[in-house]
Protein backbone atom coordinates (compact mmCIF):
# COMPACT_ATOMS: atom_id res chain seq x y z
CA MET A 1 4.26 4.47 18.13
CA ASP A 2 1.32 6.00 16.34
CA ILE A 3 1.71 6.97 12.72
CA ALA A 4 0.15 10.33 11.91
CA ARG A 5 -2.10 10.43 8.86
CA GLU A 6 -0.29 13.46 7.45
CA ASP A 7 3.09 11.71 7.86
CA LEU A 8 1.82 8.66 6.00
CA MET A 9 0.37 10.81 3.23
CA ALA A 10 3.67 12.70 2.90
CA LEU A 11 5.58 9.39 2.73
CA VAL A 12 3.28 7.98 0.02
CA ASP A 13 3.36 11.21 -1.98
CA GLN A 14 7.16 11.45 -1.76
CA THR A 15 7.49 7.81 -2.84
CA TRP A 16 5.21 8.38 -5.84
CA GLN A 17 7.01 11.55 -6.87
CA THR A 18 10.41 9.85 -6.58
CA LEU A 19 9.36 6.80 -8.59
CA PHE A 20 7.00 8.30 -11.13
CA GLY A 21 7.47 12.08 -11.01
CA ASP A 22 3.77 12.48 -10.24
CA PRO A 23 2.10 13.88 -7.13
CA ILE A 24 -0.81 12.11 -5.52
CA SER A 25 -3.64 13.51 -3.46
CA GLU A 26 -5.88 12.11 -0.79
CA ALA A 27 -9.57 11.77 -1.48
CA GLU A 28 -12.24 11.51 1.17
CA THR A 29 -14.16 8.27 1.63
CA GLU A 30 -16.96 7.34 3.94
CA VAL A 31 -15.78 5.88 7.23
CA GLY A 32 -15.60 2.11 6.99
CA THR A 33 -15.69 1.96 3.19
CA ILE A 34 -12.93 0.51 1.09
CA PRO A 35 -12.75 1.86 -2.48
CA SER A 36 -12.84 -0.61 -5.35
CA TRP A 37 -9.83 -2.87 -5.74
CA ASP A 38 -8.73 -6.00 -7.59
CA ILE A 39 -5.19 -6.62 -6.33
CA ARG A 40 -3.99 -6.62 -2.73
CA SER A 41 -0.32 -6.38 -1.73
CA ARG A 42 0.41 -6.98 1.93
CA ILE A 43 3.70 -6.93 3.81
CA GLU A 44 4.41 -7.40 7.51
CA ILE A 45 6.79 -5.36 9.62
CA ARG A 46 8.17 -7.19 12.67
CA GLY A 47 10.30 -5.98 15.55
CA ALA A 48 9.98 -3.04 17.90
CA TRP A 49 6.87 -2.04 15.90
CA GLN A 50 4.61 -4.74 14.54
CA GLY A 51 1.96 -4.35 11.91
CA THR A 52 1.11 -4.61 8.25
CA VAL A 53 1.15 -2.40 5.21
CA THR A 54 -1.56 -3.25 2.69
CA VAL A 55 -1.94 -1.57 -0.68
CA LEU A 56 -5.14 -2.10 -2.65
CA PHE A 57 -5.13 -1.45 -6.39
CA PRO A 58 -7.77 -1.57 -9.11
CA SER A 59 -6.31 -3.68 -11.93
CA GLU A 60 -5.90 -0.58 -14.13
CA THR A 61 -3.77 1.15 -11.49
CA ALA A 62 -1.61 -1.94 -10.97
CA GLU A 63 -1.07 -2.21 -14.72
CA GLN A 64 -0.19 1.49 -14.97
CA ILE A 65 2.38 1.07 -12.16
CA ALA A 66 3.87 -2.02 -13.82
CA CYS A 67 4.08 -0.25 -17.17
CA ARG A 68 5.86 2.72 -15.61
CA MET A 69 8.27 0.49 -13.67
CA LEU A 70 9.04 -1.78 -16.61
CA GLU A 71 8.83 0.86 -19.35
CA ALA A 72 6.07 -1.03 -21.15
CA LYS A 73 2.83 -0.06 -22.84
CA PRO A 74 -0.62 -1.07 -21.58
CA GLY A 75 -1.50 -4.57 -22.74
CA GLU A 76 2.15 -5.65 -23.13
CA LEU A 77 2.65 -7.18 -19.68
CA ALA A 78 1.65 -10.58 -18.36
CA ALA A 79 -0.56 -10.78 -15.29
CA GLU A 80 2.40 -12.10 -13.27
CA GLU A 81 4.46 -8.99 -14.09
CA ILE A 82 1.60 -6.75 -12.96
CA LEU A 83 1.27 -8.67 -9.68
CA ASP A 84 5.05 -8.49 -9.16
CA ALA A 85 4.97 -4.71 -9.62
CA ALA A 86 2.08 -4.42 -7.13
CA GLY A 87 4.15 -6.42 -4.62
CA GLU A 88 7.17 -4.22 -5.23
CA MET A 89 5.10 -1.07 -4.52
CA ALA A 90 4.04 -2.51 -1.15
CA ASN A 91 7.68 -3.41 -0.47
CA ILE A 92 8.89 0.11 -1.30
CA LEU A 93 6.19 1.81 0.78
CA ALA A 94 6.75 -0.56 3.72
CA GLY A 95 10.51 0.00 3.52
CA ASN A 96 10.05 3.75 3.58
CA LEU A 97 7.64 3.47 6.50
CA LYS A 98 10.05 1.16 8.36
CA SER A 99 12.65 3.95 8.36
CA MET A 100 10.22 6.06 10.46
CA LEU A 101 9.53 3.31 13.01
CA PRO A 102 11.30 2.21 16.20
CA GLN A 103 14.20 -0.15 15.54
CA PRO A 104 15.06 -2.92 15.22
CA SER A 105 12.44 -3.99 12.72
CA SER A 106 12.37 -6.04 9.55
CA LEU A 107 10.15 -6.51 6.53
CA GLY A 108 8.52 -9.74 5.53
CA LEU A 109 7.99 -10.71 1.92
CA PRO A 110 5.11 -9.15 0.01
CA VAL A 111 2.02 -11.34 -0.36
CA VAL A 112 0.06 -10.39 -3.46
CA SER A 113 -3.38 -11.71 -4.30
CA SER A 114 -6.27 -10.99 -6.61
CA LYS A 115 -9.61 -10.16 -5.09
CA GLU A 116 -12.04 -13.01 -4.69
CA ALA A 117 -15.76 -12.28 -4.92
CA GLY A 118 -16.89 -10.46 -1.79
CA GLU A 119 -13.43 -10.54 -0.16
CA ASN A 120 -12.35 -7.46 1.77
CA PRO A 121 -9.53 -7.00 4.26
CA ASP A 122 -10.61 -7.84 7.80
CA PHE A 123 -10.03 -4.98 10.21
CA SER A 124 -12.48 -6.12 12.86
CA ASP A 125 -10.02 -6.29 15.77
CA ASN A 126 -8.48 -2.84 15.47
CA GLU A 127 -9.01 0.26 13.39
CA PRO A 128 -6.40 0.76 10.66
CA LEU A 129 -5.00 4.00 9.33
CA SER A 130 -6.13 4.14 5.73
CA LEU A 131 -5.57 6.54 2.86
CA PHE A 132 -7.54 6.66 -0.36
CA CYS A 133 -5.05 8.12 -2.85
CA VAL A 134 -5.75 9.61 -6.26
CA TRP A 135 -3.06 9.33 -8.92
CA GLY A 136 -4.00 11.07 -12.14
CA GLU A 137 -7.18 9.40 -13.37
CA THR A 138 -6.87 6.37 -11.10
CA HIS A 139 -6.63 5.51 -7.41
CA PHE A 140 -5.24 3.13 -4.81
CA SER A 141 -5.51 2.68 -1.04
CA VAL A 142 -2.78 2.34 1.59
CA ILE A 143 -3.76 0.74 4.87
CA ILE A 144 -1.54 0.56 7.97
CA ARG A 145 -2.58 -1.79 10.71
CA VAL A 146 -0.80 -1.96 14.07
CA GLU A 147 -1.08 -5.38 15.64
CA SER A 148 -2.85 -5.58 18.96
CA GLY A 149 -0.33 -5.56 21.78
CA ALA A 150 2.44 -4.20 19.54
CA THR A 151 5.07 -2.21 21.34
CA GLY A 152 7.23 0.63 20.21
CA GLY A 153 8.77 3.96 20.99
C-alpha cells in the first residue's frame, strides 16, 4: 500500500491540531535534502505493512513539544523529558498512520537519539516519503519508509 503525500500531511496536521490546537503547513525543500535536526525519533510498524516512521526535530522544536505536553516553560525540563516527548510524538504519529494501513500490524517501541556529527538517516535502498513541516516559528520532518519487499493491501 502506498501512502499518498496529501494523506500523510492531513494526518500530521490533524494530529498537531488535536494535541496542540495549532495547524502546521508543509514547506518545500530541495530533493534529497534533510532540514536541520538534532533529535531523531524512529518507530517500526510490522505486519501486513512494514516500514518505519521517523520524526526529525531541531532541539528547540522538541523542547517546545515537551513543554506543551508537560505544561512546562522553556528551560524547566530535563533533556530526558524532552527526548521522551519526542519519542511520544513519533509513537502518536505512527499509531495514527497504523490505523490507515492494512491489518494486522503492530508498533514497535520508539527509538530516540540525538544527532551525532555528520549523521543523517540512510535512505539509500529506497526512496522515503518525507514532509518538511512548519509549526509556528519552528519546523520538523516526518519520514515514512516502506521496507523493500513489504507487502500490503
